[in-house]
């Protein structure tokens, strides 16, 4: 399975680091172009490459890691998703002020899914601070819990397999509506850092 990132900030680099360490190819992208990511992919190693957002979005599993105000622009104009998995790591925080964007009854993940027709969306990684994503998820006391949610059971199963192989302890929180609400800012799983005893 090949992987891509839309966005190449702290969260994307943390996830890419785990993926390349596990032997997977990852294409990172940002809005400024592949040339701006040469240092990043050099540090990650030969399994990492820089590409355009369209090239990254062509991967089997794609991680959306941009800031909330950039979600719409980041997803606009991409090729048809065709059932590929889009892992939404975003939180609906306005970047210029510490305020949560009001989405009404819609969850942040449903908002993302509406803007990526044909993608099988899985919500994940948004409940953890970047430092806990980047760190080795395996601890002497147990593995880092990683909550995820989605409406497509096969996509969730694929994500579970990948996350488990990276060393996380993945936990299915339910659908994008119910699980997404538990996981988004203000929900009981948001910023919950916990370990699963193995």
Foldseek 3Di string as FASTA:
>chain_A
DAAEEEDDDLQNLLVLLLQVVLPHAYEYEYPVAQVVCPVSQVVSDDSYGYGYLLVRLVTQEYEYDDEQVCLLVSLPPHPQNQARAYEYQYAQADPVDRDGDDPDLAFPQVVNCVSRDNHFYKYKNNQADSVCSNDQQQDPQAGKEIEMAGDDPVSVVVVCVVCVSSGHNYDYQYHCNRSRQLDHPPHVSRNDTDGDGD
